[in-house]
N, C-alpha and C. Protein backbone atom coordinates (compact mmCIF):
# COMPACT_ATOMS: atom_id res chain seq x y z
N MET A 1 2.97 -8.44 -12.85
CA MET A 1 4.32 -8.23 -12.36
C MET A 1 5.12 -7.30 -13.25
N ALA A 2 4.54 -6.74 -14.25
CA ALA A 2 5.11 -5.64 -15.03
C ALA A 2 6.51 -5.91 -15.54
N GLY A 3 6.84 -7.17 -15.84
CA GLY A 3 8.06 -7.48 -16.58
C GLY A 3 9.32 -7.74 -15.80
N THR A 4 9.32 -7.71 -14.48
CA THR A 4 10.54 -8.00 -13.73
C THR A 4 10.95 -9.45 -13.93
N ASP A 5 12.23 -9.68 -14.21
CA ASP A 5 12.78 -11.02 -14.32
C ASP A 5 13.17 -11.48 -12.92
N TRP A 6 12.30 -12.26 -12.28
CA TRP A 6 12.53 -12.62 -10.88
C TRP A 6 13.64 -13.65 -10.73
N GLN A 7 13.90 -14.42 -11.80
CA GLN A 7 15.06 -15.31 -11.75
C GLN A 7 16.35 -14.49 -11.67
N ALA A 8 16.47 -13.46 -12.51
CA ALA A 8 17.65 -12.60 -12.48
C ALA A 8 17.74 -11.83 -11.16
N TRP A 9 16.61 -11.41 -10.65
CA TRP A 9 16.57 -10.68 -9.38
C TRP A 9 17.19 -11.51 -8.26
N HIS A 10 16.91 -12.81 -8.25
CA HIS A 10 17.43 -13.68 -7.21
C HIS A 10 18.93 -13.91 -7.33
N ALA A 11 19.51 -13.58 -8.50
CA ALA A 11 20.94 -13.83 -8.70
C ALA A 11 21.82 -13.05 -7.73
N ASP A 12 21.33 -11.92 -7.22
CA ASP A 12 22.12 -11.11 -6.28
C ASP A 12 22.40 -11.85 -4.98
N TYR A 13 21.61 -12.89 -4.68
CA TYR A 13 21.89 -13.67 -3.48
C TYR A 13 23.24 -14.36 -3.56
N ALA A 14 23.77 -14.56 -4.77
CA ALA A 14 25.06 -15.24 -4.92
C ALA A 14 26.22 -14.38 -4.42
N ASP A 15 25.99 -13.08 -4.27
CA ASP A 15 27.01 -12.16 -3.78
C ASP A 15 26.77 -11.88 -2.30
N PRO A 16 27.61 -12.41 -1.41
CA PRO A 16 27.37 -12.21 0.02
C PRO A 16 27.46 -10.77 0.47
N ALA A 17 28.03 -9.90 -0.37
CA ALA A 17 28.13 -8.48 -0.02
C ALA A 17 26.97 -7.66 -0.55
N SER A 18 26.07 -8.28 -1.29
CA SER A 18 24.96 -7.54 -1.88
C SER A 18 23.94 -7.16 -0.81
N PRO A 19 23.24 -6.04 -1.00
CA PRO A 19 22.19 -5.67 -0.05
C PRO A 19 21.15 -6.78 0.12
N LEU A 20 20.85 -7.50 -0.95
CA LEU A 20 19.85 -8.57 -0.86
C LEU A 20 20.32 -9.67 0.07
N SER A 21 21.59 -10.05 -0.04
CA SER A 21 22.14 -11.07 0.85
C SER A 21 22.19 -10.59 2.30
N GLN A 22 22.51 -9.32 2.50
CA GLN A 22 22.55 -8.77 3.85
C GLN A 22 21.16 -8.75 4.48
N ARG A 23 20.18 -8.39 3.67
CA ARG A 23 18.81 -8.41 4.18
C ARG A 23 18.38 -9.83 4.51
N LEU A 24 18.72 -10.78 3.64
CA LEU A 24 18.40 -12.18 3.87
C LEU A 24 18.96 -12.67 5.20
N ALA A 25 20.20 -12.29 5.49
CA ALA A 25 20.81 -12.73 6.75
C ALA A 25 20.01 -12.26 7.95
N VAL A 26 19.49 -11.04 7.89
CA VAL A 26 18.68 -10.52 9.00
C VAL A 26 17.36 -11.28 9.09
N VAL A 27 16.72 -11.52 7.96
CA VAL A 27 15.46 -12.27 7.96
C VAL A 27 15.68 -13.66 8.52
N GLN A 28 16.72 -14.34 8.06
CA GLN A 28 16.98 -15.70 8.54
C GLN A 28 17.28 -15.70 10.04
N ALA A 29 17.99 -14.69 10.52
CA ALA A 29 18.26 -14.61 11.96
C ALA A 29 16.97 -14.44 12.75
N GLN A 30 16.03 -13.66 12.22
CA GLN A 30 14.75 -13.48 12.90
C GLN A 30 13.94 -14.78 12.89
N VAL A 31 13.99 -15.50 11.78
CA VAL A 31 13.28 -16.79 11.71
C VAL A 31 13.90 -17.77 12.71
N ALA A 32 15.23 -17.84 12.76
CA ALA A 32 15.89 -18.75 13.69
C ALA A 32 15.58 -18.40 15.14
N GLU A 33 15.56 -17.11 15.44
CA GLU A 33 15.24 -16.67 16.80
C GLU A 33 13.82 -17.06 17.17
N TRP A 34 12.90 -16.89 16.22
CA TRP A 34 11.51 -17.26 16.48
C TRP A 34 11.39 -18.77 16.70
N LEU A 35 12.09 -19.57 15.91
CA LEU A 35 12.05 -21.02 16.09
C LEU A 35 12.61 -21.41 17.45
N ASP A 36 13.68 -20.77 17.87
CA ASP A 36 14.23 -21.04 19.20
C ASP A 36 13.21 -20.71 20.28
N ARG A 37 12.52 -19.60 20.09
CA ARG A 37 11.58 -19.12 21.11
C ARG A 37 10.35 -20.01 21.22
N THR A 38 9.98 -20.67 20.14
CA THR A 38 8.75 -21.48 20.14
C THR A 38 9.00 -22.95 20.42
N GLN A 39 10.24 -23.35 20.61
CA GLN A 39 10.51 -24.75 20.93
C GLN A 39 9.78 -25.18 22.19
N PRO A 40 9.32 -26.44 22.26
CA PRO A 40 9.38 -27.49 21.24
C PRO A 40 8.03 -27.71 20.53
N ARG A 41 7.13 -26.76 20.66
CA ARG A 41 5.77 -27.01 20.17
C ARG A 41 5.70 -27.02 18.64
N PRO A 42 4.75 -27.75 18.08
CA PRO A 42 4.53 -27.72 16.63
C PRO A 42 4.05 -26.33 16.20
N VAL A 43 4.53 -25.87 15.05
CA VAL A 43 4.18 -24.54 14.57
C VAL A 43 3.86 -24.59 13.08
N VAL A 44 3.10 -23.59 12.65
CA VAL A 44 2.71 -23.45 11.25
C VAL A 44 3.31 -22.17 10.70
N VAL A 45 3.94 -22.25 9.52
CA VAL A 45 4.56 -21.11 8.88
C VAL A 45 3.99 -20.95 7.48
N THR A 46 3.68 -19.72 7.10
CA THR A 46 3.25 -19.42 5.73
C THR A 46 4.16 -18.33 5.18
N SER A 47 4.65 -18.55 3.96
CA SER A 47 5.51 -17.57 3.30
C SER A 47 4.79 -17.02 2.08
N VAL A 48 4.60 -15.70 2.05
CA VAL A 48 3.89 -15.00 0.99
C VAL A 48 4.89 -14.56 -0.08
N CYS A 49 4.60 -14.88 -1.36
CA CYS A 49 5.57 -14.58 -2.42
C CYS A 49 6.94 -15.13 -2.03
N ALA A 50 6.99 -16.43 -1.85
CA ALA A 50 8.14 -17.08 -1.22
C ALA A 50 9.39 -17.10 -2.08
N GLY A 51 9.28 -16.83 -3.37
CA GLY A 51 10.45 -16.92 -4.23
C GLY A 51 10.99 -18.34 -4.22
N ASP A 52 12.31 -18.49 -4.06
CA ASP A 52 12.89 -19.84 -3.99
C ASP A 52 12.94 -20.38 -2.57
N GLY A 53 12.34 -19.63 -1.64
CA GLY A 53 12.14 -20.14 -0.28
C GLY A 53 13.33 -20.07 0.64
N ARG A 54 14.41 -19.42 0.23
CA ARG A 54 15.64 -19.51 1.02
C ARG A 54 15.55 -18.83 2.37
N ASP A 55 14.67 -17.85 2.54
CA ASP A 55 14.58 -17.19 3.84
C ASP A 55 14.13 -18.16 4.93
N LEU A 56 13.28 -19.12 4.59
CA LEU A 56 12.84 -20.14 5.54
C LEU A 56 13.64 -21.43 5.40
N LEU A 57 13.77 -21.92 4.17
CA LEU A 57 14.43 -23.21 3.96
C LEU A 57 15.89 -23.17 4.38
N GLY A 58 16.54 -22.02 4.19
CA GLY A 58 17.93 -21.90 4.59
C GLY A 58 18.14 -22.04 6.08
N VAL A 59 17.07 -21.81 6.86
CA VAL A 59 17.13 -21.99 8.31
C VAL A 59 16.71 -23.41 8.68
N LEU A 60 15.62 -23.88 8.12
CA LEU A 60 15.09 -25.19 8.50
C LEU A 60 16.04 -26.33 8.19
N THR A 61 16.74 -26.24 7.06
CA THR A 61 17.59 -27.36 6.67
C THR A 61 18.74 -27.60 7.64
N GLY A 62 19.05 -26.64 8.47
CA GLY A 62 20.12 -26.83 9.44
C GLY A 62 19.65 -27.09 10.86
N ARG A 63 18.35 -27.32 11.03
CA ARG A 63 17.81 -27.46 12.38
C ARG A 63 17.33 -28.89 12.65
N PRO A 64 17.68 -29.44 13.82
CA PRO A 64 17.21 -30.78 14.17
C PRO A 64 15.72 -30.84 14.49
N ASP A 65 15.11 -29.69 14.75
CA ASP A 65 13.68 -29.66 15.10
C ASP A 65 12.81 -29.26 13.91
N ALA A 66 13.32 -29.36 12.69
CA ALA A 66 12.57 -28.91 11.51
C ALA A 66 11.25 -29.66 11.35
N ALA A 67 11.17 -30.89 11.84
CA ALA A 67 9.96 -31.70 11.63
C ALA A 67 8.75 -31.13 12.36
N ARG A 68 8.96 -30.27 13.34
CA ARG A 68 7.83 -29.69 14.07
C ARG A 68 7.21 -28.52 13.32
N VAL A 69 7.83 -28.12 12.21
CA VAL A 69 7.39 -26.97 11.43
C VAL A 69 6.60 -27.44 10.21
N THR A 70 5.33 -27.09 10.17
CA THR A 70 4.52 -27.31 8.98
C THR A 70 4.47 -26.00 8.22
N ALA A 71 5.01 -25.99 7.01
CA ALA A 71 5.16 -24.73 6.27
C ALA A 71 4.57 -24.84 4.87
N THR A 72 4.00 -23.73 4.43
CA THR A 72 3.51 -23.61 3.06
C THR A 72 4.14 -22.38 2.43
N LEU A 73 4.79 -22.57 1.31
CA LEU A 73 5.40 -21.48 0.56
C LEU A 73 4.53 -21.21 -0.66
N VAL A 74 4.08 -19.98 -0.81
CA VAL A 74 3.18 -19.60 -1.91
C VAL A 74 3.95 -18.73 -2.89
N GLU A 75 4.04 -19.17 -4.13
CA GLU A 75 4.82 -18.47 -5.15
C GLU A 75 4.21 -18.74 -6.52
N LEU A 76 4.14 -17.71 -7.37
CA LEU A 76 3.52 -17.84 -8.68
C LEU A 76 4.49 -18.24 -9.77
N ASP A 77 5.76 -17.82 -9.67
CA ASP A 77 6.73 -18.10 -10.71
C ASP A 77 7.08 -19.60 -10.71
N ALA A 78 6.80 -20.29 -11.80
CA ALA A 78 6.95 -21.73 -11.85
C ALA A 78 8.40 -22.17 -11.66
N ASP A 79 9.35 -21.42 -12.20
CA ASP A 79 10.76 -21.78 -12.05
C ASP A 79 11.20 -21.65 -10.60
N LEU A 80 10.77 -20.59 -9.93
CA LEU A 80 11.11 -20.44 -8.52
C LEU A 80 10.44 -21.51 -7.68
N VAL A 81 9.22 -21.88 -8.05
CA VAL A 81 8.53 -22.97 -7.35
C VAL A 81 9.33 -24.26 -7.47
N ALA A 82 9.84 -24.53 -8.67
CA ALA A 82 10.64 -25.74 -8.87
C ALA A 82 11.90 -25.72 -8.02
N THR A 83 12.56 -24.56 -7.96
CA THR A 83 13.77 -24.45 -7.15
C THR A 83 13.46 -24.65 -5.67
N ALA A 84 12.39 -24.03 -5.20
CA ALA A 84 12.00 -24.17 -3.80
C ALA A 84 11.60 -25.61 -3.48
N THR A 85 10.89 -26.25 -4.39
CA THR A 85 10.47 -27.63 -4.18
C THR A 85 11.67 -28.55 -4.05
N SER A 86 12.68 -28.33 -4.89
CA SER A 86 13.90 -29.12 -4.80
C SER A 86 14.63 -28.89 -3.48
N ALA A 87 14.69 -27.62 -3.06
CA ALA A 87 15.37 -27.29 -1.81
C ALA A 87 14.66 -27.86 -0.59
N ALA A 88 13.35 -28.06 -0.70
CA ALA A 88 12.55 -28.57 0.41
C ALA A 88 12.42 -30.08 0.41
N ALA A 89 13.14 -30.75 -0.49
CA ALA A 89 12.96 -32.19 -0.67
C ALA A 89 13.20 -32.98 0.61
N GLY A 90 14.08 -32.52 1.46
CA GLY A 90 14.36 -33.23 2.70
C GLY A 90 13.51 -32.79 3.87
N LEU A 91 12.51 -31.97 3.58
CA LEU A 91 11.64 -31.44 4.63
C LEU A 91 10.19 -31.84 4.31
N PRO A 92 9.75 -33.01 4.73
CA PRO A 92 8.44 -33.51 4.31
C PRO A 92 7.26 -32.70 4.80
N SER A 93 7.46 -31.88 5.82
CA SER A 93 6.35 -31.06 6.33
C SER A 93 6.29 -29.69 5.69
N VAL A 94 7.11 -29.48 4.64
CA VAL A 94 7.10 -28.22 3.89
C VAL A 94 6.51 -28.47 2.52
N SER A 95 5.54 -27.65 2.12
CA SER A 95 4.95 -27.75 0.79
C SER A 95 5.12 -26.42 0.06
N VAL A 96 5.27 -26.51 -1.25
CA VAL A 96 5.41 -25.32 -2.09
C VAL A 96 4.21 -25.27 -3.02
N ARG A 97 3.50 -24.17 -2.98
CA ARG A 97 2.24 -24.03 -3.71
C ARG A 97 2.41 -23.00 -4.82
N CYS A 98 2.20 -23.43 -6.07
CA CYS A 98 2.27 -22.51 -7.20
C CYS A 98 0.91 -21.83 -7.34
N ALA A 99 0.84 -20.61 -6.85
CA ALA A 99 -0.44 -19.90 -6.80
C ALA A 99 -0.17 -18.40 -6.69
N ASP A 100 -1.19 -17.62 -6.97
CA ASP A 100 -1.12 -16.16 -6.90
C ASP A 100 -1.23 -15.72 -5.45
N ALA A 101 -0.10 -15.32 -4.86
CA ALA A 101 -0.08 -14.95 -3.45
C ALA A 101 -0.87 -13.69 -3.15
N GLY A 102 -1.25 -12.95 -4.20
CA GLY A 102 -2.04 -11.74 -3.98
C GLY A 102 -3.51 -12.00 -3.76
N SER A 103 -3.94 -13.26 -3.86
CA SER A 103 -5.33 -13.63 -3.64
C SER A 103 -5.46 -14.46 -2.38
N THR A 104 -6.44 -14.17 -1.57
CA THR A 104 -6.62 -14.94 -0.33
C THR A 104 -6.94 -16.40 -0.62
N ASP A 105 -7.46 -16.71 -1.81
CA ASP A 105 -7.77 -18.10 -2.13
C ASP A 105 -6.53 -18.97 -2.19
N ALA A 106 -5.36 -18.35 -2.36
CA ALA A 106 -4.11 -19.12 -2.43
C ALA A 106 -3.74 -19.74 -1.09
N TYR A 107 -4.38 -19.31 0.00
CA TYR A 107 -3.98 -19.72 1.34
C TYR A 107 -4.96 -20.70 1.99
N ALA A 108 -5.85 -21.25 1.19
CA ALA A 108 -6.79 -22.23 1.73
C ALA A 108 -6.02 -23.39 2.36
N GLY A 109 -6.31 -23.66 3.63
CA GLY A 109 -5.68 -24.78 4.31
C GLY A 109 -4.35 -24.47 4.95
N CYS A 110 -3.80 -23.26 4.76
CA CYS A 110 -2.51 -22.95 5.40
C CYS A 110 -2.59 -21.73 6.31
N ALA A 111 -3.77 -21.32 6.64
CA ALA A 111 -4.00 -20.27 7.63
C ALA A 111 -5.00 -20.81 8.65
N PRO A 112 -4.85 -20.47 9.92
CA PRO A 112 -3.93 -19.46 10.45
C PRO A 112 -2.52 -20.00 10.67
N ALA A 113 -1.55 -19.10 10.62
CA ALA A 113 -0.14 -19.44 10.79
C ALA A 113 0.41 -18.82 12.07
N ASP A 114 1.42 -19.47 12.62
CA ASP A 114 2.12 -18.92 13.78
C ASP A 114 3.21 -17.95 13.37
N LEU A 115 3.75 -18.15 12.16
CA LEU A 115 4.75 -17.23 11.61
C LEU A 115 4.37 -16.95 10.17
N LEU A 116 4.30 -15.68 9.82
CA LEU A 116 3.98 -15.26 8.46
C LEU A 116 5.17 -14.48 7.92
N LEU A 117 5.70 -14.91 6.78
CA LEU A 117 6.80 -14.21 6.14
C LEU A 117 6.25 -13.37 5.00
N LEU A 118 6.47 -12.07 5.09
CA LEU A 118 5.98 -11.10 4.11
C LEU A 118 7.20 -10.35 3.57
N CYS A 119 8.09 -11.10 2.94
CA CYS A 119 9.38 -10.55 2.50
C CYS A 119 9.37 -10.36 0.99
N GLY A 120 9.82 -9.18 0.54
CA GLY A 120 9.82 -8.90 -0.88
C GLY A 120 8.46 -8.59 -1.45
N VAL A 121 7.53 -8.22 -0.60
CA VAL A 121 6.15 -7.93 -1.04
C VAL A 121 5.85 -6.44 -0.97
N LEU A 122 6.02 -5.84 0.20
CA LEU A 122 5.55 -4.47 0.43
C LEU A 122 6.29 -3.44 -0.40
N GLY A 123 7.46 -3.78 -0.93
CA GLY A 123 8.18 -2.86 -1.80
C GLY A 123 7.83 -2.99 -3.26
N ASN A 124 6.95 -3.93 -3.58
CA ASN A 124 6.61 -4.19 -4.98
C ASN A 124 5.13 -3.98 -5.30
N VAL A 125 4.40 -3.42 -4.34
CA VAL A 125 2.96 -3.19 -4.53
C VAL A 125 2.66 -1.72 -4.27
N SER A 126 1.47 -1.29 -4.64
CA SER A 126 1.09 0.10 -4.39
C SER A 126 0.95 0.35 -2.90
N ASP A 127 1.04 1.62 -2.50
CA ASP A 127 0.87 1.98 -1.10
C ASP A 127 -0.50 1.53 -0.59
N GLU A 128 -1.51 1.67 -1.44
CA GLU A 128 -2.87 1.28 -1.04
C GLU A 128 -2.95 -0.22 -0.80
N ASP A 129 -2.31 -1.00 -1.67
CA ASP A 129 -2.33 -2.45 -1.49
C ASP A 129 -1.52 -2.85 -0.26
N ALA A 130 -0.43 -2.15 0.00
CA ALA A 130 0.36 -2.44 1.20
C ALA A 130 -0.48 -2.22 2.45
N ALA A 131 -1.18 -1.10 2.50
CA ALA A 131 -2.03 -0.80 3.66
C ALA A 131 -3.14 -1.82 3.81
N GLY A 132 -3.77 -2.18 2.70
CA GLY A 132 -4.87 -3.15 2.76
C GLY A 132 -4.40 -4.54 3.14
N THR A 133 -3.22 -4.92 2.66
CA THR A 133 -2.68 -6.24 3.01
C THR A 133 -2.38 -6.33 4.49
N ILE A 134 -1.76 -5.30 5.04
CA ILE A 134 -1.45 -5.30 6.48
C ILE A 134 -2.73 -5.34 7.30
N ALA A 135 -3.74 -4.60 6.88
CA ALA A 135 -5.01 -4.61 7.61
C ALA A 135 -5.65 -5.99 7.60
N ALA A 136 -5.36 -6.78 6.55
CA ALA A 136 -5.95 -8.11 6.42
C ALA A 136 -5.16 -9.20 7.15
N LEU A 137 -3.98 -8.89 7.65
CA LEU A 137 -3.11 -9.93 8.20
C LEU A 137 -3.69 -10.69 9.40
N PRO A 138 -4.52 -10.09 10.25
CA PRO A 138 -5.10 -10.90 11.33
C PRO A 138 -5.88 -12.11 10.81
N GLY A 139 -6.30 -12.08 9.54
CA GLY A 139 -6.97 -13.23 8.96
C GLY A 139 -6.03 -14.37 8.62
N PHE A 140 -4.73 -14.11 8.61
CA PHE A 140 -3.72 -15.13 8.33
C PHE A 140 -3.11 -15.71 9.61
N CYS A 141 -3.41 -15.08 10.74
CA CYS A 141 -2.63 -15.31 11.95
C CYS A 141 -3.34 -16.13 13.01
N ALA A 142 -2.58 -17.02 13.65
CA ALA A 142 -3.01 -17.65 14.88
C ALA A 142 -2.80 -16.66 16.03
N PRO A 143 -3.39 -16.92 17.20
CA PRO A 143 -3.17 -16.01 18.33
C PRO A 143 -1.68 -15.84 18.63
N GLY A 144 -1.26 -14.59 18.77
CA GLY A 144 0.13 -14.30 19.10
C GLY A 144 1.11 -14.51 17.96
N ALA A 145 0.61 -14.63 16.74
CA ALA A 145 1.49 -14.90 15.60
C ALA A 145 2.48 -13.78 15.36
N THR A 146 3.58 -14.14 14.72
CA THR A 146 4.64 -13.19 14.38
C THR A 146 4.67 -13.00 12.87
N VAL A 147 4.87 -11.76 12.44
CA VAL A 147 5.03 -11.43 11.03
C VAL A 147 6.42 -10.83 10.83
N VAL A 148 7.17 -11.37 9.88
CA VAL A 148 8.46 -10.79 9.48
C VAL A 148 8.26 -10.19 8.10
N TRP A 149 8.58 -8.90 7.94
CA TRP A 149 8.33 -8.21 6.68
C TRP A 149 9.56 -7.39 6.27
N THR A 150 9.62 -7.08 4.99
CA THR A 150 10.72 -6.25 4.48
C THR A 150 10.15 -5.13 3.62
N ARG A 151 10.96 -4.07 3.51
CA ARG A 151 10.57 -2.94 2.66
C ARG A 151 11.79 -2.04 2.48
N HIS A 152 12.01 -1.57 1.26
CA HIS A 152 13.08 -0.59 1.04
C HIS A 152 12.67 0.75 1.65
N ARG A 153 13.66 1.66 1.77
CA ARG A 153 13.40 2.98 2.37
C ARG A 153 13.75 4.10 1.40
N ARG A 154 13.57 3.82 0.11
CA ARG A 154 13.74 4.90 -0.86
C ARG A 154 12.70 5.99 -0.59
N GLU A 155 13.08 7.24 -0.90
CA GLU A 155 12.13 8.34 -0.72
C GLU A 155 11.01 8.27 -1.75
N PRO A 156 9.79 8.52 -1.34
CA PRO A 156 9.36 8.79 0.03
C PRO A 156 9.29 7.49 0.85
N ASP A 157 9.95 7.48 1.98
CA ASP A 157 10.07 6.29 2.83
C ASP A 157 8.70 5.94 3.42
N LEU A 158 8.22 4.75 3.07
CA LEU A 158 6.89 4.33 3.54
C LEU A 158 6.95 3.59 4.87
N THR A 159 8.16 3.25 5.35
CA THR A 159 8.21 2.38 6.53
C THR A 159 7.57 3.00 7.78
N PRO A 160 7.64 4.32 8.02
CA PRO A 160 6.91 4.84 9.18
C PRO A 160 5.41 4.57 9.08
N ALA A 161 4.85 4.72 7.89
CA ALA A 161 3.43 4.43 7.71
C ALA A 161 3.15 2.95 7.90
N ILE A 162 4.01 2.10 7.35
CA ILE A 162 3.83 0.65 7.48
C ILE A 162 3.81 0.24 8.95
N ARG A 163 4.73 0.76 9.72
CA ARG A 163 4.78 0.43 11.14
C ARG A 163 3.51 0.88 11.85
N GLY A 164 3.00 2.03 11.44
CA GLY A 164 1.73 2.50 12.00
C GLY A 164 0.56 1.63 11.59
N TRP A 165 0.56 1.14 10.35
CA TRP A 165 -0.52 0.25 9.89
C TRP A 165 -0.53 -1.05 10.68
N PHE A 166 0.66 -1.56 11.00
CA PHE A 166 0.71 -2.77 11.82
C PHE A 166 0.09 -2.51 13.19
N THR A 167 0.41 -1.39 13.79
CA THR A 167 -0.17 -1.05 15.09
C THR A 167 -1.68 -0.98 15.00
N ALA A 168 -2.18 -0.31 13.96
CA ALA A 168 -3.63 -0.17 13.79
C ALA A 168 -4.31 -1.51 13.57
N ALA A 169 -3.57 -2.48 13.00
CA ALA A 169 -4.15 -3.80 12.73
C ALA A 169 -4.08 -4.73 13.93
N GLY A 170 -3.53 -4.27 15.05
CA GLY A 170 -3.50 -5.07 16.27
C GLY A 170 -2.19 -5.78 16.52
N PHE A 171 -1.09 -5.24 16.00
CA PHE A 171 0.23 -5.82 16.20
C PHE A 171 1.09 -4.90 17.06
N ARG A 172 2.06 -5.50 17.75
CA ARG A 172 3.09 -4.70 18.44
C ARG A 172 4.43 -4.99 17.78
N GLU A 173 5.26 -3.98 17.73
CA GLU A 173 6.55 -4.12 17.08
C GLU A 173 7.55 -4.79 18.01
N LEU A 174 8.19 -5.85 17.52
CA LEU A 174 9.24 -6.52 18.26
C LEU A 174 10.62 -6.00 17.88
N SER A 175 10.80 -5.68 16.59
CA SER A 175 12.08 -5.12 16.17
C SER A 175 11.93 -4.47 14.80
N PHE A 176 12.85 -3.55 14.51
CA PHE A 176 12.91 -2.90 13.20
C PHE A 176 14.37 -2.63 12.90
N THR A 177 14.89 -3.33 11.89
CA THR A 177 16.29 -3.22 11.50
C THR A 177 16.39 -2.38 10.24
N ALA A 178 17.11 -1.26 10.32
CA ALA A 178 17.23 -0.34 9.20
C ALA A 178 18.62 0.29 9.22
N PRO A 179 19.62 -0.36 8.63
CA PRO A 179 20.99 0.17 8.67
C PRO A 179 21.09 1.54 8.00
N ASP A 180 21.88 2.41 8.60
CA ASP A 180 22.03 3.77 8.07
C ASP A 180 22.64 3.78 6.66
N ASP A 181 23.48 2.80 6.35
CA ASP A 181 24.17 2.80 5.07
C ASP A 181 23.51 1.90 4.03
N ARG A 182 22.28 1.48 4.30
CA ARG A 182 21.54 0.64 3.37
C ARG A 182 20.10 1.17 3.28
N ILE A 183 19.41 0.79 2.19
CA ILE A 183 18.03 1.27 2.06
C ILE A 183 17.02 0.20 2.45
N TRP A 184 17.47 -1.03 2.73
CA TRP A 184 16.52 -2.07 3.09
C TRP A 184 16.18 -2.00 4.58
N SER A 185 15.07 -2.61 4.94
CA SER A 185 14.68 -2.71 6.34
C SER A 185 13.93 -4.02 6.55
N VAL A 186 14.01 -4.50 7.78
CA VAL A 186 13.32 -5.73 8.18
C VAL A 186 12.55 -5.45 9.46
N GLY A 187 11.26 -5.66 9.43
CA GLY A 187 10.43 -5.46 10.60
C GLY A 187 9.88 -6.77 11.12
N VAL A 188 9.65 -6.81 12.43
CA VAL A 188 9.04 -7.99 13.06
C VAL A 188 7.93 -7.49 13.98
N HIS A 189 6.74 -7.99 13.75
CA HIS A 189 5.58 -7.60 14.56
C HIS A 189 4.84 -8.84 15.08
N GLN A 190 4.24 -8.69 16.23
CA GLN A 190 3.48 -9.79 16.84
C GLN A 190 2.04 -9.37 17.03
N LEU A 191 1.13 -10.28 16.67
CA LEU A 191 -0.30 -10.00 16.84
C LEU A 191 -0.67 -10.01 18.32
N THR A 192 -1.18 -8.90 18.79
CA THR A 192 -1.70 -8.82 20.16
C THR A 192 -3.21 -8.71 20.16
N GLY A 193 -3.79 -8.36 19.02
CA GLY A 193 -5.23 -8.32 18.89
C GLY A 193 -5.79 -9.70 18.59
N SER A 194 -7.04 -9.73 18.21
CA SER A 194 -7.72 -10.99 17.95
C SER A 194 -7.54 -11.43 16.51
N PRO A 195 -7.23 -12.71 16.27
CA PRO A 195 -7.22 -13.21 14.89
C PRO A 195 -8.60 -13.07 14.27
N GLN A 196 -8.65 -13.02 12.96
CA GLN A 196 -9.90 -12.88 12.24
C GLN A 196 -10.02 -14.01 11.21
N PRO A 197 -11.23 -14.33 10.77
CA PRO A 197 -11.36 -15.32 9.70
C PRO A 197 -10.71 -14.81 8.42
N LEU A 198 -10.11 -15.71 7.67
CA LEU A 198 -9.51 -15.34 6.39
C LEU A 198 -10.61 -15.16 5.35
N ALA A 199 -10.67 -13.98 4.76
CA ALA A 199 -11.69 -13.69 3.76
C ALA A 199 -11.44 -14.50 2.50
N GLU A 200 -12.49 -15.03 1.92
CA GLU A 200 -12.38 -15.78 0.68
C GLU A 200 -12.54 -14.87 -0.53
N GLY A 201 -11.84 -15.19 -1.59
CA GLY A 201 -12.03 -14.50 -2.86
C GLY A 201 -11.65 -13.04 -2.86
N ARG A 202 -10.68 -12.67 -2.02
CA ARG A 202 -10.29 -11.26 -1.92
C ARG A 202 -8.92 -11.04 -2.56
N ARG A 203 -8.81 -9.99 -3.36
CA ARG A 203 -7.51 -9.60 -3.92
C ARG A 203 -6.84 -8.65 -2.95
N LEU A 204 -5.66 -9.05 -2.46
CA LEU A 204 -4.90 -8.25 -1.52
C LEU A 204 -3.97 -7.28 -2.22
N PHE A 205 -3.26 -7.77 -3.22
CA PHE A 205 -2.28 -6.92 -3.89
C PHE A 205 -1.97 -7.48 -5.27
N SER A 206 -1.42 -6.59 -6.10
CA SER A 206 -0.84 -6.96 -7.38
C SER A 206 0.51 -6.28 -7.48
N PHE A 207 1.51 -6.98 -7.98
CA PHE A 207 2.82 -6.38 -8.14
C PHE A 207 2.76 -5.28 -9.20
N VAL A 208 3.49 -4.21 -8.95
CA VAL A 208 3.47 -3.08 -9.88
C VAL A 208 4.79 -2.94 -10.61
N ARG A 209 5.69 -3.90 -10.45
CA ARG A 209 6.94 -3.88 -11.21
C ARG A 209 7.39 -5.31 -11.51
C-alpha cells in the first residue's frame, strides 16, 4: 500500500461537502436502488477493500429488510476492520473479514455474489491490475449480478477503458455518474454473460499508493 494512511484518508467523510462524501452518496444511492429492485429475495453482497464499510452499512442499517442480505466485507487494515465490525454489530448476517482483498483466496465462501462493491480500488492499482481484475469479475458473480465501482478521472482518464473492459468481460452498463465539476466517477454494470468459477490462489491487484 506504499504508505497511505487509510485512517486519515477516511477522515474526509466527516465533511459532507468533500468529494469523498459526494461520491459516497452516489454509491449508497446505487446500493439502495439495487436493494429496492431485488426485494424481497435473499441476496449476497461482497465488498472488496471495504474500508470501514460505510458504503454498504450506511444503507443497511436504515432498512427493515436488512436481514435478507448476507454480506462479507473484505479489508486488510485492522483498524478499519474493527470500525466496520462495530458498525455491523446490529446486522448479524454481515461479516467483516480481515484479509488481503487483492487475493482471490480472501473470498472463499463469499462468492458468487449478487452485488459486488468495487469502490476505492481501481484508482489505487496499476492499469494492468485494473484490467485483470475486471476480467476476473465473472468469477465473483452470480447470474445477473451487479457491480458498483469507482474511479477518479485525473488525466490520463482511464474510465473509458474501464467501461470497455467491463463490456469485454460480459457486463452491460446500467449507469455512469461523472459530474463535470468533480474528478470522481461511479459506474454500475450488470453481468449479462456467464458466471465463471472463482480462481484459487490468484493475485488480482496490489495497491500502488
